Structure formats: C-alpha cells, structure tokens
Amino acid sequence: MINIVVFLSLTLDGVMQAPGRPDEDTRGGFKYGGWAAPYSEPSIGKTVGESMATTGGILLGRRTYQDFYAYWPHRTDNPFTDVLNNTQKYVASMTLKEPLPWMNSTLLLGDVPRAVADLKMQLEKDVVILGSGELVRSLMKENLIDRYMLLIHPIVLGSGKRLFPADETIATLQLVNTETTGKGVIIAVYEPVKSTKRAG
C-alpha cells in the first residue's frame, strides 16, 4: 500500500495561503501572496525534485488544480512544468467534469476519502498532495495522510488560511527527519502515530 504525502509551505504561524505568487489566492483580502519567494534556494529545489522523483501521482483539490493549470503549463522556462505535465494528477472535486483540460488528469468520482483509500491500495508509488488545504484536512480526519513534509518559513503573517484551523481536530505526529536551509526554512517530515479525531 502506498503513502499519501502532504507537501506544503507554511509560515511560523501556520499560514499556507498563496506562498508562491501575489495573485495566487487573494481570498479574504489576503495581501501577502508570494511570501515564500524570498526564502527560495537550491536546497529547497533539490528536496522538491527528490520528492517528485519517487512519486506516482499528484493529488489536488479543485481550486489548486485550476490555479496550477492556469499557471504552470505556460512556464516553459521552468523544469517543474514538465514534471507537472507528465505526472498523473488526481483531482478531488464535486463540480468539475471529465474530461479535465490538463494532460494526465483524472477526476476522482464519488466520496473523496473512499476514492483516495482505493488509490492507496491500487497504485504502486506514493501520491503527493500539493497545496489543497481543504483536501488535506478532510483526508486527515479519515486517517488517510501518511506523511507531512512541511517547509516551515521564518515569517509570521498574522492572517491568512491556515493548514490546521481551530476545528478541534487532534493528531499526534512524530518527527522523522529535519533539515534547515541557509535562509532558515525548516524542512520537517512528520508521520502520524495516533488516530486523528475530534475532541469531545
């Protein structure tokens, strides 16, 4: 059975919204888009490359899928474009319909946690979730996340959508690996050690 791996950039206060570009996600009046860009360096690219090299697919929520599709296929100057184009993409959405516009894209049908559980049994290589906070949280509640690779940036924004909101979800994680880049980004890898549940 394969692993479902979350790969996300976060601020110190847990914000995951729009790390890449100013226009990436302005919901809620968020004005700090692109906050991760000043911390980019080759060691992070190396980590991303190594993670994607052993990946059998990418799992995306609807909004992240549409944002990626609108941006990455046009970035011909970046090797990550070829990776995204050629990697199988699984999309969780209740509103999108087949055929999806981006090459190598498959819509997950029916109940998303059940569809993801089926993927874990059927595939031969791990699947990585990029962005897609709502999807991550829904799978976390069903104990379907096997690993969190979090790039924790040394910045506090005080606002924005967080990976773990105050919704009484509980998870106990163990740190299995960590490294720190020259610009102070902590690349921390965690794995669950107890079932996720709601308090009360």
C-alpha atoms as a PDB file:
ATOM      1  CA  MET A   1       0.000   0.000   0.000  1.00  0.00           C
ATOM      2  CA  ILE A   2       1.356   3.412  -0.972  1.00  0.00           C
ATOM      3  CA  ASN A   3       1.665   6.548   1.156  1.00  0.00           C
ATOM      4  CA  ILE A   4      -0.260   9.788   0.809  1.00  0.00           C
ATOM      5  CA  VAL A   5       2.293  12.552   1.375  1.00  0.00           C
ATOM      6  CA  VAL A   6       1.423  16.182   2.094  1.00  0.00           C
ATOM      7  CA  PHE A   7       3.976  18.661   0.719  1.00  0.00           C
ATOM      8  CA  LEU A   8       3.306  22.223   1.882  1.00  0.00           C
ATOM      9  CA  SER A   9       4.957  25.544   2.603  1.00  0.00           C
ATOM     10  CA  LEU A  10       3.901  27.173   5.875  1.00  0.00           C
ATOM     11  CA  THR A  11       4.681  30.305   7.848  1.00  0.00           C
ATOM     12  CA  LEU A  12       5.639  30.025  11.519  1.00  0.00           C
ATOM     13  CA  ASP A  13       2.031  30.812  12.445  1.00  0.00           C
ATOM     14  CA  GLY A  14       0.730  28.063  10.155  1.00  0.00           C
ATOM     15  CA  VAL A  15      -0.445  30.103   7.164  1.00  0.00           C
ATOM     16  CA  MET A  16      -0.398  28.152   3.892  1.00  0.00           C
ATOM     17  CA  GLN A  17      -2.248  30.641   1.678  1.00  0.00           C
ATOM     18  CA  ALA A  18      -0.538  31.853  -1.518  1.00  0.00           C
ATOM     19  CA  PRO A  19       3.130  31.108  -0.839  1.00  0.00           C
ATOM     20  CA  GLY A  20       4.139  31.345  -4.496  1.00  0.00           C
ATOM     21  CA  ARG A  21       2.670  34.471  -6.109  1.00  0.00           C
ATOM     22  CA  PRO A  22       0.879  37.719  -5.175  1.00  0.00           C
ATOM     23  CA  ASP A  23      -2.160  36.713  -7.272  1.00  0.00           C
ATOM     24  CA  GLU A  24      -2.193  33.048  -6.261  1.00  0.00           C
ATOM     25  CA  ASP A  25      -5.002  33.278  -3.707  1.00  0.00           C
ATOM     26  CA  THR A  26      -6.403  36.603  -2.529  1.00  0.00           C
ATOM     27  CA  ARG A  27      -9.491  35.190  -0.801  1.00  0.00           C
ATOM     28  CA  GLY A  28     -10.428  37.017   2.363  1.00  0.00           C
ATOM     29  CA  GLY A  29      -8.470  40.070   1.204  1.00  0.00           C
ATOM     30  CA  PHE A  30      -5.151  38.253   1.695  1.00  0.00           C
ATOM     31  CA  LYS A  31      -2.393  40.640   0.589  1.00  0.00           C
ATOM     32  CA  TYR A  32       0.809  38.748   1.383  1.00  0.00           C
ATOM     33  CA  GLY A  33       0.867  36.381  -1.581  1.00  0.00           C
ATOM     34  CA  GLY A  34       4.346  35.271  -2.608  1.00  0.00           C
ATOM     35  CA  TRP A  35       5.673  35.268   0.956  1.00  0.00           C
ATOM     36  CA  ALA A  36       7.822  32.159   0.363  1.00  0.00           C
ATOM     37  CA  ALA A  37       9.711  33.576  -2.628  1.00  0.00           C
ATOM     38  CA  PRO A  38      12.451  35.404  -0.637  1.00  0.00           C
ATOM     39  CA  TYR A  39      13.419  32.102   1.020  1.00  0.00           C
ATOM     40  CA  SER A  40      13.850  30.106  -2.180  1.00  0.00           C
ATOM     41  CA  GLU A  41      17.239  28.454  -2.691  1.00  0.00           C
ATOM     42  CA  PRO A  42      18.689  25.399  -4.443  1.00  0.00           C
ATOM     43  CA  SER A  43      18.371  23.105  -1.416  1.00  0.00           C
ATOM     44  CA  ILE A  44      14.593  23.512  -1.486  1.00  0.00           C
ATOM     45  CA  GLY A  45      14.500  22.744  -5.194  1.00  0.00           C
ATOM     46  CA  LYS A  46      16.586  19.647  -4.520  1.00  0.00           C
ATOM     47  CA  THR A  47      14.111  18.487  -1.865  1.00  0.00           C
ATOM     48  CA  VAL A  48      11.179  19.046  -4.225  1.00  0.00           C
ATOM     49  CA  GLY A  49      12.954  17.207  -7.017  1.00  0.00           C
ATOM     50  CA  GLU A  50      13.807  14.212  -4.851  1.00  0.00           C
ATOM     51  CA  SER A  51      10.237  14.002  -3.588  1.00  0.00           C
ATOM     52  CA  MET A  52       8.734  14.172  -7.072  1.00  0.00           C
ATOM     53  CA  ALA A  53      11.216  11.642  -8.492  1.00  0.00           C
ATOM     54  CA  THR A  54       9.686   8.848  -6.412  1.00  0.00           C
ATOM     55  CA  THR A  55       6.088   9.988  -6.822  1.00  0.00           C
ATOM     56  CA  GLY A  56       3.487   8.043  -8.743  1.00  0.00           C
ATOM     57  CA  GLY A  57       0.954  10.845  -8.841  1.00  0.00           C
ATOM     58  CA  ILE A  58      -0.184  14.210  -7.535  1.00  0.00           C
ATOM     59  CA  LEU A  59      -3.431  14.705  -5.635  1.00  0.00           C
ATOM     60  CA  LEU A  60      -5.075  18.120  -5.907  1.00  0.00           C
ATOM     61  CA  GLY A  61      -8.235  19.851  -4.785  1.00  0.00           C
ATOM     62  CA  ARG A  62     -10.313  21.690  -7.368  1.00  0.00           C
ATOM     63  CA  ARG A  63      -9.013  25.179  -6.666  1.00  0.00           C
ATOM     64  CA  THR A  64      -5.356  24.173  -6.596  1.00  0.00           C
ATOM     65  CA  TYR A  65      -5.792  22.160  -9.788  1.00  0.00           C
ATOM     66  CA  GLN A  66      -7.340  25.097 -11.629  1.00  0.00           C
ATOM     67  CA  ASP A  67      -4.690  27.506 -10.328  1.00  0.00           C
ATOM     68  CA  PHE A  68      -1.846  25.188 -11.329  1.00  0.00           C
ATOM     69  CA  TYR A  69      -3.377  24.602 -14.771  1.00  0.00           C
ATOM     70  CA  ALA A  70      -3.742  28.339 -15.386  1.00  0.00           C
ATOM     71  CA  TYR A  71      -0.099  28.968 -14.469  1.00  0.00           C
ATOM     72  CA  TRP A  72       2.332  26.088 -14.881  1.00  0.00           C
ATOM     73  CA  PRO A  73       1.772  24.847 -18.466  1.00  0.00           C
ATOM     74  CA  HIS A  74       2.777  28.328 -19.666  1.00  0.00           C
ATOM     75  CA  ARG A  75       6.053  28.383 -17.698  1.00  0.00           C
ATOM     76  CA  THR A  76       8.302  26.918 -20.383  1.00  0.00           C
ATOM     77  CA  ASP A  77      11.397  28.282 -18.615  1.00  0.00           C
ATOM     78  CA  ASN A  78      10.938  26.031 -15.591  1.00  0.00           C
ATOM     79  CA  PRO A  79      11.680  22.261 -15.393  1.00  0.00           C
ATOM     80  CA  PHE A  80       8.862  21.862 -12.864  1.00  0.00           C
ATOM     81  CA  THR A  81       6.429  22.425 -15.759  1.00  0.00           C
ATOM     82  CA  ASP A  82       7.454  19.161 -17.422  1.00  0.00           C
ATOM     83  CA  VAL A  83       7.175  17.333 -14.112  1.00  0.00           C
ATOM     84  CA  LEU A  84       3.632  18.591 -13.555  1.00  0.00           C
ATOM     85  CA  ASN A  85       2.588  17.981 -17.150  1.00  0.00           C
ATOM     86  CA  ASN A  86       3.863  14.418 -17.241  1.00  0.00           C
ATOM     87  CA  THR A  87       2.902  13.266 -13.739  1.00  0.00           C
ATOM     88  CA  GLN A  88      -0.527  11.690 -13.262  1.00  0.00           C
ATOM     89  CA  LYS A  89      -2.828  14.133 -11.493  1.00  0.00           C
ATOM     90  CA  TYR A  90      -5.816  13.009  -9.404  1.00  0.00           C
ATOM     91  CA  VAL A  91      -8.364  15.749  -8.782  1.00  0.00           C
ATOM     92  CA  ALA A  92     -10.889  15.889  -5.947  1.00  0.00           C
ATOM     93  CA  SER A  93     -13.893  17.962  -6.977  1.00  0.00           C
ATOM     94  CA  MET A  94     -17.670  17.839  -6.802  1.00  0.00           C
ATOM     95  CA  THR A  95     -18.079  20.425  -9.597  1.00  0.00           C
ATOM     96  CA  LEU A  96     -15.521  19.604 -12.300  1.00  0.00           C
ATOM     97  CA  LYS A  97     -16.456  17.171 -15.069  1.00  0.00           C
ATOM     98  CA  GLU A  98     -14.479  14.817 -17.292  1.00  0.00           C
ATOM     99  CA  PRO A  99     -12.588  15.286 -19.484  1.00  0.00           C
ATOM    100  CA  LEU A 100     -10.306  17.515 -17.451  1.00  0.00           C
ATOM    101  CA  PRO A 101      -8.304  20.021 -19.508  1.00  0.00           C
ATOM    102  CA  TRP A 102      -4.779  19.276 -18.288  1.00  0.00           C
ATOM    103  CA  MET A 103      -2.969  16.261 -19.709  1.00  0.00           C
ATOM    104  CA  ASN A 104      -2.682  13.215 -17.420  1.00  0.00           C
ATOM    105  CA  SER A 105      -5.548  14.335 -15.177  1.00  0.00           C
ATOM    106  CA  THR A 106      -8.176  12.052 -13.646  1.00  0.00           C
ATOM    107  CA  LEU A 107     -11.240  13.157 -11.704  1.00  0.00           C
ATOM    108  CA  LEU A 108     -11.911  11.217  -8.503  1.00  0.00           C
ATOM    109  CA  LEU A 109     -15.528  10.119  -8.557  1.00  0.00           C
ATOM    110  CA  GLY A 110     -17.882   9.794  -5.615  1.00  0.00           C
ATOM    111  CA  ASP A 111     -16.796  10.039  -1.993  1.00  0.00           C
ATOM    112  CA  VAL A 112     -13.284  11.523  -1.986  1.00  0.00           C
ATOM    113  CA  PRO A 113     -11.888   9.775   1.119  1.00  0.00           C
ATOM    114  CA  ARG A 114     -13.104   6.439  -0.214  1.00  0.00           C
ATOM    115  CA  ALA A 115     -11.600   7.182  -3.645  1.00  0.00           C
ATOM    116  CA  VAL A 116      -8.276   8.089  -2.038  1.00  0.00           C
ATOM    117  CA  ALA A 117      -8.349   4.939   0.081  1.00  0.00           C
ATOM    118  CA  ASP A 118      -8.839   2.967  -3.140  1.00  0.00           C
ATOM    119  CA  LEU A 119      -5.875   4.750  -4.732  1.00  0.00           C
ATOM    120  CA  LYS A 120      -3.698   3.749  -1.793  1.00  0.00           C
ATOM    121  CA  MET A 121      -4.495   0.112  -2.497  1.00  0.00           C
ATOM    122  CA  GLN A 122      -4.253   0.268  -6.292  1.00  0.00           C
ATOM    123  CA  LEU A 123      -1.140   2.343  -7.009  1.00  0.00           C
ATOM    124  CA  GLU A 124       2.493   1.288  -6.752  1.00  0.00           C
ATOM    125  CA  LYS A 125       4.142   4.642  -5.934  1.00  0.00           C
ATOM    126  CA  ASP A 126       3.361   7.310  -3.345  1.00  0.00           C
ATOM    127  CA  VAL A 127       0.989  10.162  -4.122  1.00  0.00           C
ATOM    128  CA  VAL A 128       1.848  13.739  -3.120  1.00  0.00           C
ATOM    129  CA  ILE A 129      -0.709  16.397  -2.202  1.00  0.00           C
ATOM    130  CA  LEU A 130       0.367  19.901  -3.224  1.00  0.00           C
ATOM    131  CA  GLY A 131      -1.485  22.823  -1.638  1.00  0.00           C
ATOM    132  CA  SER A 132      -5.164  21.847  -1.319  1.00  0.00           C
ATOM    133  CA  GLY A 133      -5.651  22.623   2.374  1.00  0.00           C
ATOM    134  CA  GLU A 134      -9.317  21.599   2.497  1.00  0.00           C
ATOM    135  CA  LEU A 135      -8.493  18.280   0.891  1.00  0.00           C
ATOM    136  CA  VAL A 136      -5.648  17.667   3.342  1.00  0.00           C
ATOM    137  CA  ARG A 137      -7.898  18.347   6.316  1.00  0.00           C
ATOM    138  CA  SER A 138     -10.673  16.088   5.031  1.00  0.00           C
ATOM    139  CA  LEU A 139      -8.241  13.206   4.496  1.00  0.00           C
ATOM    140  CA  MET A 140      -6.558  13.856   7.820  1.00  0.00           C
ATOM    141  CA  LYS A 141      -9.870  13.297   9.603  1.00  0.00           C
ATOM    142  CA  GLU A 142     -10.143   9.903   7.910  1.00  0.00           C
ATOM    143  CA  ASN A 143      -6.554   8.927   8.856  1.00  0.00           C
ATOM    144  CA  LEU A 144      -5.528   8.800   5.196  1.00  0.00           C
ATOM    145  CA  ILE A 145      -2.432  11.025   5.459  1.00  0.00           C
ATOM    146  CA  ASP A 146       0.765   9.022   5.961  1.00  0.00           C
ATOM    147  CA  ARG A 147       3.418  11.731   5.901  1.00  0.00           C
ATOM    148  CA  TYR A 148       3.667  15.509   6.163  1.00  0.00           C
ATOM    149  CA  MET A 149       6.627  17.235   4.521  1.00  0.00           C
ATOM    150  CA  LEU A 150       6.345  20.808   5.755  1.00  0.00           C
ATOM    151  CA  LEU A 151       8.573  23.672   4.654  1.00  0.00           C
ATOM    152  CA  ILE A 152       8.306  25.996   7.649  1.00  0.00           C
ATOM    153  CA  HIS A 153       9.401  29.534   6.771  1.00  0.00           C
ATOM    154  CA  PRO A 154      10.743  32.055   9.305  1.00  0.00           C
ATOM    155  CA  ILE A 155       7.948  34.565   8.812  1.00  0.00           C
ATOM    156  CA  VAL A 156       4.772  35.402  10.759  1.00  0.00           C
ATOM    157  CA  LEU A 157       1.882  36.937   8.815  1.00  0.00           C
ATOM    158  CA  GLY A 158      -0.889  37.057  11.402  1.00  0.00           C
ATOM    159  CA  SER A 159      -3.607  36.398   8.827  1.00  0.00           C
ATOM    160  CA  GLY A 160      -4.438  34.012   6.024  1.00  0.00           C
ATOM    161  CA  LYS A 161      -5.739  30.481   5.643  1.00  0.00           C
ATOM    162  CA  ARG A 162      -4.001  28.005   7.923  1.00  0.00           C
ATOM    163  CA  LEU A 163      -3.349  24.336   7.400  1.00  0.00           C
ATOM    164  CA  PHE A 164      -4.742  23.438  10.812  1.00  0.00           C
ATOM    165  CA  PRO A 165      -7.618  25.749  11.807  1.00  0.00           C
ATOM    166  CA  ALA A 166      -9.255  25.716  15.208  1.00  0.00           C
ATOM    167  CA  ASP A 167     -11.754  22.946  14.439  1.00  0.00           C
ATOM    168  CA  GLU A 168     -10.915  20.566  17.300  1.00  0.00           C
ATOM    169  CA  THR A 169      -9.110  18.090  15.063  1.00  0.00           C
ATOM    170  CA  ILE A 170      -6.432  16.243  17.017  1.00  0.00           C
ATOM    171  CA  ALA A 171      -3.397  14.462  15.598  1.00  0.00           C
ATOM    172  CA  THR A 172      -0.226  13.207  17.235  1.00  0.00           C
ATOM    173  CA  LEU A 173       2.767  13.259  14.906  1.00  0.00           C
ATOM    174  CA  GLN A 174       6.341  12.096  15.209  1.00  0.00           C
ATOM    175  CA  LEU A 175       9.264  13.916  13.617  1.00  0.00           C
ATOM    176  CA  VAL A 176      11.161  11.520  11.336  1.00  0.00           C
ATOM    177  CA  ASN A 177      13.524  13.917   9.577  1.00  0.00           C
ATOM    178  CA  THR A 178      14.526  17.565   9.573  1.00  0.00           C
ATOM    179  CA  GLU A 179      16.934  19.891   7.848  1.00  0.00           C
ATOM    180  CA  THR A 180      17.396  23.635   7.790  1.00  0.00           C
ATOM    181  CA  THR A 181      18.243  25.711   4.738  1.00  0.00           C
ATOM    182  CA  GLY A 182      20.679  28.594   4.709  1.00  0.00           C
ATOM    183  CA  LYS A 183      17.794  31.066   4.777  1.00  0.00           C
ATOM    184  CA  GLY A 184      16.210  29.477   7.817  1.00  0.00           C
ATOM    185  CA  VAL A 185      13.491  27.316   6.263  1.00  0.00           C
ATOM    186  CA  ILE A 186      12.960  24.162   8.302  1.00  0.00           C
ATOM    187  CA  ILE A 187      12.088  21.147   6.167  1.00  0.00           C
ATOM    188  CA  ALA A 188      10.335  18.901   8.674  1.00  0.00           C
ATOM    189  CA  VAL A 189       8.928  15.460   7.924  1.00  0.00           C
ATOM    190  CA  TYR A 190       6.263  14.099  10.261  1.00  0.00           C
ATOM    191  CA  GLU A 191       4.284  10.877  10.373  1.00  0.00           C
ATOM    192  CA  PRO A 192       1.099  10.176  12.378  1.00  0.00           C
ATOM    193  CA  VAL A 193       1.427   7.953  15.426  1.00  0.00           C
ATOM    194  CA  LYS A 194      -2.186   8.040  16.625  1.00  0.00           C
ATOM    195  CA  SER A 195      -5.587   8.189  15.016  1.00  0.00           C
ATOM    196  CA  THR A 196      -6.935  11.598  14.137  1.00  0.00           C
ATOM    197  CA  LYS A 197     -10.187  12.500  15.861  1.00  0.00           C
ATOM    198  CA  ARG A 198     -12.330  15.346  17.035  1.00  0.00           C
ATOM    199  CA  ALA A 199     -12.223  16.433  20.638  1.00  0.00           C
ATOM    200  CA  GLY A 200     -15.283  15.988  22.815  1.00  0.00           C
END
